[in-house]
Protein backbone atom coordinates (compact mmCIF):
# COMPACT_ATOMS: atom_id res chain seq x y z
CA MET A 1 31.60 -58.94 -21.72
CA THR A 2 28.93 -61.58 -21.18
CA ASP A 3 25.37 -61.07 -22.21
CA THR A 4 22.65 -61.49 -19.64
CA PRO A 5 19.19 -62.42 -20.93
CA THR A 6 18.11 -59.35 -22.87
CA ALA A 7 15.67 -58.40 -25.58
CA ALA A 8 16.88 -57.98 -29.12
CA LEU A 9 16.55 -54.62 -30.82
CA PRO A 10 13.04 -54.83 -32.33
CA ARG A 11 13.89 -53.24 -35.70
CA ALA A 12 16.84 -52.02 -37.71
CA VAL A 13 17.96 -48.41 -37.31
CA ARG A 14 20.30 -47.36 -40.09
CA GLY A 15 22.35 -44.21 -40.51
CA VAL A 16 22.85 -43.13 -36.89
CA ARG A 17 25.36 -40.27 -37.13
CA VAL A 18 27.16 -38.75 -34.15
CA HIS A 19 29.59 -35.84 -34.44
CA SER A 20 31.62 -34.37 -31.61
CA ARG A 21 32.94 -30.94 -32.54
CA GLN A 22 36.40 -29.75 -31.66
CA THR A 23 36.47 -27.09 -29.01
CA ILE A 24 37.89 -24.04 -30.81
CA GLY A 25 40.64 -22.34 -28.84
CA ALA A 26 40.92 -25.14 -26.31
CA CYS A 27 43.33 -28.03 -26.02
CA ALA A 28 40.68 -30.67 -25.28
CA PRO A 29 40.74 -33.41 -27.96
CA THR A 30 36.98 -33.66 -28.56
CA TYR A 31 36.72 -34.27 -32.33
CA GLY A 32 35.19 -37.44 -33.72
CA ARG A 33 32.56 -38.61 -36.22
CA VAL A 34 30.86 -41.97 -36.58
CA GLU A 35 27.98 -43.43 -38.55
CA LEU A 36 26.49 -46.69 -37.35
CA ASP A 37 23.73 -49.10 -38.36
CA PHE A 38 21.90 -51.12 -35.71
CA GLU A 39 20.25 -54.44 -36.57
CA PRO A 40 18.23 -56.99 -34.59
CA VAL A 41 19.90 -60.30 -33.74
CA PRO A 42 18.33 -63.76 -33.38
CA ALA A 43 17.62 -65.21 -29.95
CA GLY A 44 20.75 -66.35 -28.18
CA VAL A 45 23.09 -64.15 -30.24
CA SER A 46 25.17 -61.62 -28.33
CA SER A 47 25.67 -57.99 -29.28
CA SER A 48 28.49 -57.37 -31.71
CA VAL A 49 30.26 -54.49 -33.43
CA GLU A 50 31.71 -54.85 -36.94
CA PHE A 51 33.70 -52.33 -38.95
CA THR A 52 32.59 -52.11 -42.57
CA CYS A 53 34.57 -48.96 -43.32
CA THR A 54 38.05 -47.56 -43.31
CA ALA A 55 38.57 -44.85 -40.75
CA GLU A 56 39.77 -41.43 -41.89
CA PRO A 57 42.61 -40.51 -41.93
CA GLU A 58 43.54 -44.19 -41.33
CA PRO A 59 42.44 -47.06 -39.07
CA SER A 60 43.01 -46.49 -35.36
CA PRO A 61 42.85 -49.60 -33.16
CA GLU A 62 42.68 -47.44 -30.02
CA TYR A 63 39.70 -45.40 -31.19
CA GLU A 64 37.99 -48.49 -32.62
CA ARG A 65 38.30 -50.26 -29.24
CA ALA A 66 36.98 -47.18 -27.45
CA LEU A 67 33.99 -46.97 -29.80
CA ILE A 68 33.24 -50.69 -29.30
CA GLN A 69 33.48 -50.25 -25.53
CA GLY A 70 31.03 -47.34 -25.55
CA VAL A 71 28.55 -49.20 -27.78
CA LEU A 72 28.62 -52.49 -25.87
CA ARG A 73 28.46 -50.91 -22.41
CA GLU A 74 25.50 -48.77 -23.43
CA LEU A 75 23.67 -51.72 -25.04
CA ALA A 76 24.25 -53.67 -21.82
CA ALA A 77 22.93 -50.70 -19.79
CA ALA A 78 26.14 -51.00 -17.80
CA GLY A 79 27.01 -47.32 -17.86
CA SER A 80 29.45 -46.15 -20.48
CA GLY A 81 30.77 -43.07 -18.80
CA ALA A 82 28.55 -40.98 -21.05
CA PRO A 83 26.51 -38.27 -19.41
CA ASP A 84 23.04 -39.55 -18.52
CA PRO A 85 23.38 -43.21 -19.60
CA HIS A 86 20.10 -44.69 -20.78
CA PRO A 87 18.17 -46.09 -17.80
CA GLY A 88 16.45 -48.88 -19.74
CA ALA A 89 16.97 -52.61 -19.87
CA PRO A 90 19.86 -54.14 -21.79
CA VAL A 91 19.33 -54.63 -25.53
CA ARG A 92 21.13 -56.94 -27.97
CA ALA A 93 22.03 -55.68 -31.45
CA ARG A 94 24.43 -56.15 -34.32
CA VAL A 95 26.18 -52.83 -34.88
CA LEU A 96 27.90 -51.97 -38.16
CA VAL A 97 30.32 -49.05 -38.22
CA ARG A 98 29.82 -47.43 -41.64
CA ALA A 99 32.05 -44.37 -41.19
CA MET A 100 34.57 -43.13 -38.66
CA SER A 101 36.67 -39.98 -38.66
CA TRP A 102 39.28 -38.78 -36.18
CA HIS A 103 42.09 -36.24 -36.01
CA TRP A 104 45.75 -36.77 -35.10
CA VAL A 105 45.71 -34.08 -32.38
CA ASP A 106 42.07 -33.24 -31.74
CA SER A 107 40.71 -36.73 -30.91
CA CYS A 108 41.04 -39.11 -27.96
CA GLU A 109 39.72 -42.49 -26.81
CA THR A 110 37.24 -40.94 -24.36
CA THR A 111 35.57 -39.08 -27.22
CA PHE A 112 34.98 -42.33 -29.11
CA THR A 113 33.67 -44.14 -26.04
CA ARG A 114 31.12 -41.33 -25.66
CA LEU A 115 30.28 -41.34 -29.39
CA GLY A 116 29.46 -45.04 -29.16
CA ALA A 117 27.19 -44.51 -26.17
CA LEU A 118 25.43 -41.56 -27.81
CA ALA A 119 24.85 -43.57 -30.99
CA VAL A 120 23.18 -46.36 -29.00
CA ARG A 121 20.94 -43.86 -27.21
CA GLU A 122 19.92 -42.31 -30.54
CA ALA A 123 19.14 -45.74 -32.01
CA LEU A 124 17.04 -46.67 -28.96
CA SER A 125 15.24 -43.31 -29.14
CA CYS A 126 14.45 -43.97 -32.81
CA VAL A 127 12.85 -47.30 -31.90
CA ALA A 128 10.94 -45.87 -28.92
CA GLU A 129 9.68 -42.86 -30.90
CA ASP A 130 9.21 -44.74 -34.21
CA ARG A 131 11.33 -42.28 -36.18
CA GLU A 132 14.40 -42.10 -38.37
CA PRO A 133 17.75 -41.06 -36.86
CA ARG A 134 18.70 -37.42 -36.45
CA LEU A 135 22.26 -36.12 -36.45
CA VAL A 136 23.60 -36.02 -32.91
CA ASP A 137 25.89 -32.98 -32.96
CA THR A 138 27.66 -32.47 -29.65
CA ARG A 139 30.94 -31.66 -27.98
CA ALA A 140 32.08 -34.69 -25.97
CA ARG A 141 32.83 -34.00 -22.32
CA LEU A 142 36.12 -35.52 -21.27
CA THR A 143 35.41 -35.39 -17.56
CA SER A 144 32.51 -36.74 -15.55
């Protein structure tokens, strides 16, 4: 993904937590948890996502790629497939994944794409509203 000229995130937002609950009694794999930090980047530096944690129960390249995709698409304001993508201008940021949790049966890639997008929207809301992050507790929709 190439960066178009965009503004850098104006300040760090640390501890953005997003949790998608499992749908009890349903077969939809909607469980996932992530905690991300967002940091400004210098001029000319593209957005990036780095993993500084070990996923529970173990690393999952598929879910990591889906999370990265959701984060980068939302930062680029390119539409991430998340409900109501943020309508603002693209923003550049360094994103650090501090925690990630998934389940063998109750998780899927779509859930992590949505978690990434929701984390970006929470970070941008924190900057716009000059506040600390709040837990985003949701149930990811798997269809549009």
